[in-house]
PDB file of all heavy atoms in Angstrom:
ATOM      1  N   PHE A   1    -219.978 -65.440-101.891  1.00  0.00           N
ATOM      2  CA  PHE A   1    -221.276 -66.095-101.734  1.00  0.00           C
ATOM      3  C   PHE A   1    -221.147 -67.612-101.877  1.00  0.00           C
ATOM      4  O   PHE A   1    -221.661 -68.374-101.048  1.00  0.00           O
ATOM      5  CB  PHE A   1    -222.247 -65.535-102.767  1.00  0.00           C
ATOM      6  CG  PHE A   1    -223.576 -66.220-102.836  1.00  0.00           C
ATOM      7  CD1 PHE A   1    -224.471 -66.142-101.774  1.00  0.00           C
ATOM      8  CD2 PHE A   1    -223.952 -66.934-103.959  1.00  0.00           C
ATOM      9  CE1 PHE A   1    -225.704 -66.770-101.827  1.00  0.00           C
ATOM     10  CE2 PHE A   1    -225.186 -67.561-104.029  1.00  0.00           C
ATOM     11  CZ  PHE A   1    -226.066 -67.485-102.956  1.00  0.00           C
ATOM     12  N   GLU A   2    -220.459 -68.048-102.917  1.00  0.00           N
ATOM     13  CA  GLU A   2    -220.299 -69.483-103.127  1.00  0.00           C
ATOM     14  C   GLU A   2    -219.492 -70.117-101.994  1.00  0.00           C
ATOM     15  O   GLU A   2    -219.802 -71.232-101.546  1.00  0.00           O
ATOM     16  CB  GLU A   2    -219.632 -69.749-104.474  1.00  0.00           C
ATOM     17  CG  GLU A   2    -220.530 -69.396-105.653  1.00  0.00           C
ATOM     18  CD  GLU A   2    -219.947 -69.830-106.986  1.00  0.00           C
ATOM     19  OE1 GLU A   2    -218.969 -70.617-106.990  1.00  0.00           O
ATOM     20  OE2 GLU A   2    -220.478 -69.407-108.024  1.00  0.00           O
ATOM     21  N   GLY A   3    -218.476 -69.409-101.519  1.00  0.00           N
ATOM     22  CA  GLY A   3    -217.692 -69.925-100.400  1.00  0.00           C
ATOM     23  C   GLY A   3    -218.525 -70.078 -99.146  1.00  0.00           C
ATOM     24  O   GLY A   3    -218.379 -71.052 -98.389  1.00  0.00           O
ATOM     25  N   LEU A   4    -219.416 -69.126 -98.910  1.00  0.00           N
ATOM     26  CA  LEU A   4    -220.295 -69.199 -97.744  1.00  0.00           C
ATOM     27  C   LEU A   4    -221.217 -70.419 -97.842  1.00  0.00           C
ATOM     28  O   LEU A   4    -221.379 -71.176 -96.871  1.00  0.00           O
ATOM     29  CB  LEU A   4    -221.117 -67.921 -97.650  1.00  0.00           C
ATOM     30  CG  LEU A   4    -222.009 -67.717 -96.420  1.00  0.00           C
ATOM     31  CD1 LEU A   4    -222.262 -66.232 -96.203  1.00  0.00           C
ATOM     32  CD2 LEU A   4    -223.344 -68.438 -96.542  1.00  0.00           C
ATOM     33  N   LEU A   5    -221.825 -70.639 -99.020  1.00  0.00           N
ATOM     34  CA  LEU A   5    -222.711 -71.788 -99.183  1.00  0.00           C
ATOM     35  C   LEU A   5    -221.956 -73.100 -98.999  1.00  0.00           C
ATOM     36  O   LEU A   5    -222.468 -74.032 -98.351  1.00  0.00           O
ATOM     37  CB  LEU A   5    -223.375 -71.756-100.563  1.00  0.00           C
ATOM     38  CG  LEU A   5    -224.401 -70.663-100.826  1.00  0.00           C
ATOM     39  CD1 LEU A   5    -225.004 -70.843-102.218  1.00  0.00           C
ATOM     40  CD2 LEU A   5    -225.507 -70.670 -99.785  1.00  0.00           C
ATOM     41  N   ARG A   6    -220.758 -73.187 -99.576  1.00  0.00           N
ATOM     42  CA  ARG A   6    -219.965 -74.414 -99.429  1.00  0.00           C
ATOM     43  C   ARG A   6    -219.659 -74.692 -97.962  1.00  0.00           C
ATOM     44  O   ARG A   6    -219.797 -75.829 -97.487  1.00  0.00           O
ATOM     45  CB  ARG A   6    -218.660 -74.311-100.220  1.00  0.00           C
ATOM     46  CG  ARG A   6    -218.794 -74.581-101.698  1.00  0.00           C
ATOM     47  CD  ARG A   6    -217.436 -74.772-102.345  1.00  0.00           C
ATOM     48  NE  ARG A   6    -216.628 -73.561-102.275  1.00  0.00           N
ATOM     49  CZ  ARG A   6    -216.618 -72.613-103.202  1.00  0.00           C
ATOM     50  NH1 ARG A   6    -217.383 -72.740-104.279  1.00  0.00           N
ATOM     51  NH2 ARG A   6    -215.862 -71.557-103.067  1.00  0.00           N
ATOM     52  N   ALA A   7    -219.219 -73.659 -97.251  1.00  0.00           N
ATOM     53  CA  ALA A   7    -218.844 -73.838 -95.848  1.00  0.00           C
ATOM     54  C   ALA A   7    -220.047 -74.198 -94.989  1.00  0.00           C
ATOM     55  O   ALA A   7    -219.959 -75.056 -94.101  1.00  0.00           O
ATOM     56  CB  ALA A   7    -218.169 -72.573 -95.331  1.00  0.00           C
ATOM     57  N   ALA A   8    -221.181 -73.559 -95.239  1.00  0.00           N
ATOM     58  CA  ALA A   8    -222.380 -73.867 -94.466  1.00  0.00           C
ATOM     59  C   ALA A   8    -222.824 -75.301 -94.721  1.00  0.00           C
ATOM     60  O   ALA A   8    -223.134 -76.049 -93.776  1.00  0.00           O
ATOM     61  CB  ALA A   8    -223.497 -72.890 -94.819  1.00  0.00           C
ATOM     62  N   ALA A   9    -222.850 -75.695 -95.991  1.00  0.00           N
ATOM     63  CA  ALA A   9    -223.261 -77.057 -96.322  1.00  0.00           C
ATOM     64  C   ALA A   9    -222.320 -78.082 -95.698  1.00  0.00           C
ATOM     65  O   ALA A   9    -222.767 -79.114 -95.172  1.00  0.00           O
ATOM     66  CB  ALA A   9    -223.311 -77.232 -97.839  1.00  0.00           C
ATOM     67  N   GLU A  10    -221.042 -77.826 -95.741  1.00  0.00           N
ATOM     68  CA  GLU A  10    -220.064 -78.742 -95.137  1.00  0.00           C
ATOM     69  C   GLU A  10    -220.255 -78.805 -93.630  1.00  0.00           C
ATOM     70  O   GLU A  10    -220.106 -79.883 -93.014  1.00  0.00           O
ATOM     71  CB  GLU A  10    -218.646 -78.288 -95.484  1.00  0.00           C
ATOM     72  CG  GLU A  10    -217.547 -79.179 -94.927  1.00  0.00           C
ATOM     73  CD  GLU A  10    -217.523 -80.582 -95.519  1.00  0.00           C
ATOM     74  OE1 GLU A  10    -218.235 -80.834 -96.515  1.00  0.00           O
ATOM     75  OE2 GLU A  10    -216.799 -81.429 -94.961  1.00  0.00           O
ATOM     76  N   SER A  11    -220.592 -77.690 -93.011  1.00  0.00           N
ATOM     77  CA  SER A  11    -220.867 -77.682 -91.574  1.00  0.00           C
ATOM     78  C   SER A  11    -222.017 -78.626 -91.233  1.00  0.00           C
ATOM     79  O   SER A  11    -221.972 -79.347 -90.228  1.00  0.00           O
ATOM     80  CB  SER A  11    -221.212 -76.264 -91.107  1.00  0.00           C
ATOM     81  OG  SER A  11    -220.123 -75.386 -91.251  1.00  0.00           O
ATOM     82  N   PHE A  12    -223.041 -78.620 -92.057  1.00  0.00           N
ATOM     83  CA  PHE A  12    -224.170 -79.511 -91.815  1.00  0.00           C
ATOM     84  C   PHE A  12    -223.800 -80.972 -92.079  1.00  0.00           C
ATOM     85  O   PHE A  12    -224.219 -81.870 -91.348  1.00  0.00           O
ATOM     86  CB  PHE A  12    -225.366 -79.095 -92.670  1.00  0.00           C
ATOM     87  CG  PHE A  12    -225.967 -77.781 -92.260  1.00  0.00           C
ATOM     88  CD1 PHE A  12    -226.081 -76.731 -93.158  1.00  0.00           C
ATOM     89  CD2 PHE A  12    -226.413 -77.587 -90.958  1.00  0.00           C
ATOM     90  CE1 PHE A  12    -226.628 -75.513 -92.776  1.00  0.00           C
ATOM     91  CE2 PHE A  12    -226.968 -76.372 -90.561  1.00  0.00           C
ATOM     92  CZ  PHE A  12    -227.072 -75.336 -91.477  1.00  0.00           C
ATOM     93  N   ARG A  13    -223.000 -81.216 -93.113  1.00  0.00           N
ATOM     94  CA  ARG A  13    -222.627 -82.601 -93.438  1.00  0.00           C
ATOM     95  C   ARG A  13    -221.880 -83.260 -92.288  1.00  0.00           C
ATOM     96  O   ARG A  13    -222.184 -84.409 -91.921  1.00  0.00           O
ATOM     97  CB  ARG A  13    -221.764 -82.633 -94.704  1.00  0.00           C
ATOM     98  CG  ARG A  13    -221.422 -84.058 -95.156  1.00  0.00           C
ATOM     99  CD  ARG A  13    -220.366 -84.072 -96.245  1.00  0.00           C
ATOM    100  NE  ARG A  13    -219.066 -83.664 -95.717  1.00  0.00           N
ATOM    101  CZ  ARG A  13    -218.227 -84.476 -95.062  1.00  0.00           C
ATOM    102  NH1 ARG A  13    -218.560 -85.739 -94.829  1.00  0.00           N
ATOM    103  NH2 ARG A  13    -217.060 -84.027 -94.641  1.00  0.00           N
ATOM    104  N   VAL A  14    -220.922 -82.549 -91.703  1.00  0.00           N
ATOM    105  CA  VAL A  14    -220.116 -83.177 -90.650  1.00  0.00           C
ATOM    106  C   VAL A  14    -220.920 -83.404 -89.373  1.00  0.00           C
ATOM    107  O   VAL A  14    -220.515 -84.178 -88.504  1.00  0.00           O
ATOM    108  CB  VAL A  14    -218.839 -82.361 -90.347  1.00  0.00           C
ATOM    109  CG1 VAL A  14    -217.975 -82.239 -91.597  1.00  0.00           C
ATOM    110  CG2 VAL A  14    -219.166 -80.980 -89.769  1.00  0.00           C
ATOM    111  N   GLN A  15    -222.069 -82.740 -89.244  1.00  0.00           N
ATOM    112  CA  GLN A  15    -222.934 -82.960 -88.087  1.00  0.00           C
ATOM    113  C   GLN A  15    -223.880 -84.144 -88.268  1.00  0.00           C
ATOM    114  O   GLN A  15    -224.578 -84.524 -87.332  1.00  0.00           O
ATOM    115  CB  GLN A  15    -223.764 -81.701 -87.805  1.00  0.00           C
ATOM    116  CG  GLN A  15    -222.945 -80.503 -87.371  1.00  0.00           C
ATOM    117  CD  GLN A  15    -223.794 -79.251 -87.225  1.00  0.00           C
ATOM    118  OE1 GLN A  15    -224.837 -79.286 -86.586  1.00  0.00           O
ATOM    119  NE2 GLN A  15    -223.352 -78.156 -87.814  1.00  0.00           N
ATOM    120  N   GLY A  16    -223.925 -84.686 -89.484  1.00  0.00           N
ATOM    121  CA  GLY A  16    -224.774 -85.846 -89.730  1.00  0.00           C
ATOM    122  C   GLY A  16    -225.940 -85.615 -90.660  1.00  0.00           C
ATOM    123  O   GLY A  16    -226.684 -86.544 -90.968  1.00  0.00           O
ATOM    124  N   PHE A  17    -226.129 -84.384 -91.130  1.00  0.00           N
ATOM    125  CA  PHE A  17    -227.173 -84.140 -92.116  1.00  0.00           C
ATOM    126  C   PHE A  17    -226.739 -84.732 -93.456  1.00  0.00           C
ATOM    127  O   PHE A  17    -225.617 -84.506 -93.907  1.00  0.00           O
ATOM    128  CB  PHE A  17    -227.440 -82.644 -92.260  1.00  0.00           C
ATOM    129  CG  PHE A  17    -228.084 -82.030 -91.049  1.00  0.00           C
ATOM    130  CD1 PHE A  17    -227.309 -81.431 -90.058  1.00  0.00           C
ATOM    131  CD2 PHE A  17    -229.462 -82.066 -90.885  1.00  0.00           C
ATOM    132  CE1 PHE A  17    -227.897 -80.874 -88.933  1.00  0.00           C
ATOM    133  CE2 PHE A  17    -230.063 -81.507 -89.761  1.00  0.00           C
ATOM    134  CZ  PHE A  17    -229.285 -80.915 -88.779  1.00  0.00           C
ATOM    135  N   THR A  18    -227.628 -85.480 -94.071  1.00  0.00           N
ATOM    136  CA  THR A  18    -227.274 -86.152 -95.328  1.00  0.00           C
ATOM    137  C   THR A  18    -227.894 -85.494 -96.553  1.00  0.00           C
ATOM    138  O   THR A  18    -227.493 -85.796 -97.673  1.00  0.00           O
ATOM    139  CB  THR A  18    -227.706 -87.627 -95.280  1.00  0.00           C
ATOM    140  OG1 THR A  18    -229.114 -87.705 -95.003  1.00  0.00           O
ATOM    141  CG2 THR A  18    -226.935 -88.374 -94.193  1.00  0.00           C
ATOM    142  N   THR A  19    -228.881 -84.609 -96.351  1.00  0.00           N
ATOM    143  CA  THR A  19    -229.469 -83.870 -97.463  1.00  0.00           C
ATOM    144  C   THR A  19    -229.488 -82.389 -97.112  1.00  0.00           C
ATOM    145  O   THR A  19    -230.144 -81.987 -96.145  1.00  0.00           O
ATOM    146  CB  THR A  19    -230.905 -84.338 -97.766  1.00  0.00           C
ATOM    147  OG1 THR A  19    -230.902 -85.737 -98.053  1.00  0.00           O
ATOM    148  CG2 THR A  19    -231.464 -83.588 -98.968  1.00  0.00           C
ATOM    149  N   VAL A  20    -228.772 -81.595 -97.885  1.00  0.00           N
ATOM    150  CA  VAL A  20    -228.749 -80.148 -97.714  1.00  0.00           C
ATOM    151  C   VAL A  20    -229.503 -79.549 -98.892  1.00  0.00           C
ATOM    152  O   VAL A  20    -229.102 -79.708-100.046  1.00  0.00           O
ATOM    153  CB  VAL A  20    -227.308 -79.599 -97.662  1.00  0.00           C
ATOM    154  CG1 VAL A  20    -227.320 -78.079 -97.510  1.00  0.00           C
ATOM    155  CG2 VAL A  20    -226.529 -80.244 -96.518  1.00  0.00           C
ATOM    156  N   VAL A  21    -230.594 -78.882 -98.602  1.00  0.00           N
ATOM    157  CA  VAL A  21    -231.464 -78.326 -99.641  1.00  0.00           C
ATOM    158  C   VAL A  21    -231.173 -76.838 -99.805  1.00  0.00           C
ATOM    159  O   VAL A  21    -231.133 -76.092 -98.819  1.00  0.00           O
ATOM    160  CB  VAL A  21    -232.950 -78.521 -99.279  1.00  0.00           C
ATOM    161  CG1 VAL A  21    -233.848 -77.925-100.362  1.00  0.00           C
ATOM    162  CG2 VAL A  21    -233.259 -80.007 -99.077  1.00  0.00           C
ATOM    163  N   LEU A  22    -230.982 -76.407-101.044  1.00  0.00           N
ATOM    164  CA  LEU A  22    -230.765 -74.994-101.344  1.00  0.00           C
ATOM    165  C   LEU A  22    -231.989 -74.441-102.078  1.00  0.00           C
ATOM    166  O   LEU A  22    -232.362 -74.950-103.141  1.00  0.00           O
ATOM    167  CB  LEU A  22    -229.531 -74.798-102.224  1.00  0.00           C
ATOM    168  CG  LEU A  22    -228.181 -75.232-101.657  1.00  0.00           C
ATOM    169  CD1 LEU A  22    -227.079 -74.981-102.693  1.00  0.00           C
ATOM    170  CD2 LEU A  22    -227.858 -74.502-100.362  1.00  0.00           C
ATOM    171  N   ILE A  23    -232.617 -73.411-101.499  1.00  0.00           N
ATOM    172  CA  ILE A  23    -233.673 -72.694-102.202  1.00  0.00           C
ATOM    173  C   ILE A  23    -233.336 -71.206-102.165  1.00  0.00           C
ATOM    174  O   ILE A  23    -232.875 -70.690-101.155  1.00  0.00           O
ATOM    175  CB  ILE A  23    -235.073 -72.945-101.603  1.00  0.00           C
ATOM    176  CG1 ILE A  23    -235.135 -72.536-100.124  1.00  0.00           C
ATOM    177  CG2 ILE A  23    -235.491 -74.392-101.779  1.00  0.00           C
ATOM    178  CD1 ILE A  23    -236.541 -72.579 -99.544  1.00  0.00           C
ATOM    179  N   GLY A  24    -233.546 -70.529-103.272  1.00  0.00           N
ATOM    180  CA  GLY A  24    -233.206 -69.112-103.362  1.00  0.00           C
ATOM    181  C   GLY A  24    -234.373 -68.283-103.861  1.00  0.00           C
ATOM    182  O   GLY A  24    -235.065 -68.668-104.811  1.00  0.00           O
ATOM    183  N   ASP A  25    -234.590 -67.125-103.242  1.00  0.00           N
ATOM    184  CA  ASP A  25    -235.745 -66.274-103.536  1.00  0.00           C
ATOM    185  C   ASP A  25    -235.463 -65.223-104.607  1.00  0.00           C
ATOM    186  O   ASP A  25    -236.348 -64.449-104.951  1.00  0.00           O
ATOM    187  CB  ASP A  25    -236.198 -65.584-102.235  1.00  0.00           C
ATOM    188  CG  ASP A  25    -237.669 -65.179-102.269  1.00  0.00           C
ATOM    189  OD1 ASP A  25    -238.517 -66.081-102.380  1.00  0.00           O
ATOM    190  OD2 ASP A  25    -237.955 -63.965-102.187  1.00  0.00           O
ATOM    191  N   HIS A  26    -234.246 -65.200-105.130  1.00  0.00           N
ATOM    192  CA  HIS A  26    -233.813 -64.133-106.048  1.00  0.00           C
ATOM    193  C   HIS A  26    -233.103 -64.772-107.243  1.00  0.00           C
ATOM    194  O   HIS A  26    -232.410 -65.785-107.091  1.00  0.00           O
ATOM    195  CB  HIS A  26    -232.879 -63.203-105.279  1.00  0.00           C
ATOM    196  CG  HIS A  26    -232.203 -62.148-106.097  1.00  0.00           C
ATOM    197  ND1 HIS A  26    -232.877 -61.321-106.959  1.00  0.00           N
ATOM    198  CD2 HIS A  26    -230.899 -61.760-106.161  1.00  0.00           C
ATOM    199  CE1 HIS A  26    -232.013 -60.474-107.528  1.00  0.00           C
ATOM    200  NE2 HIS A  26    -230.827 -60.731-107.061  1.00  0.00           N
TER     201      HIS A  26
END
């Protein structure tokens, strides 16, 4: 799970997103 979040966030960073927001329902 943590690896998935890290990889997804890094994917967004390299595209130019500067703020990655994490919200969780559980």
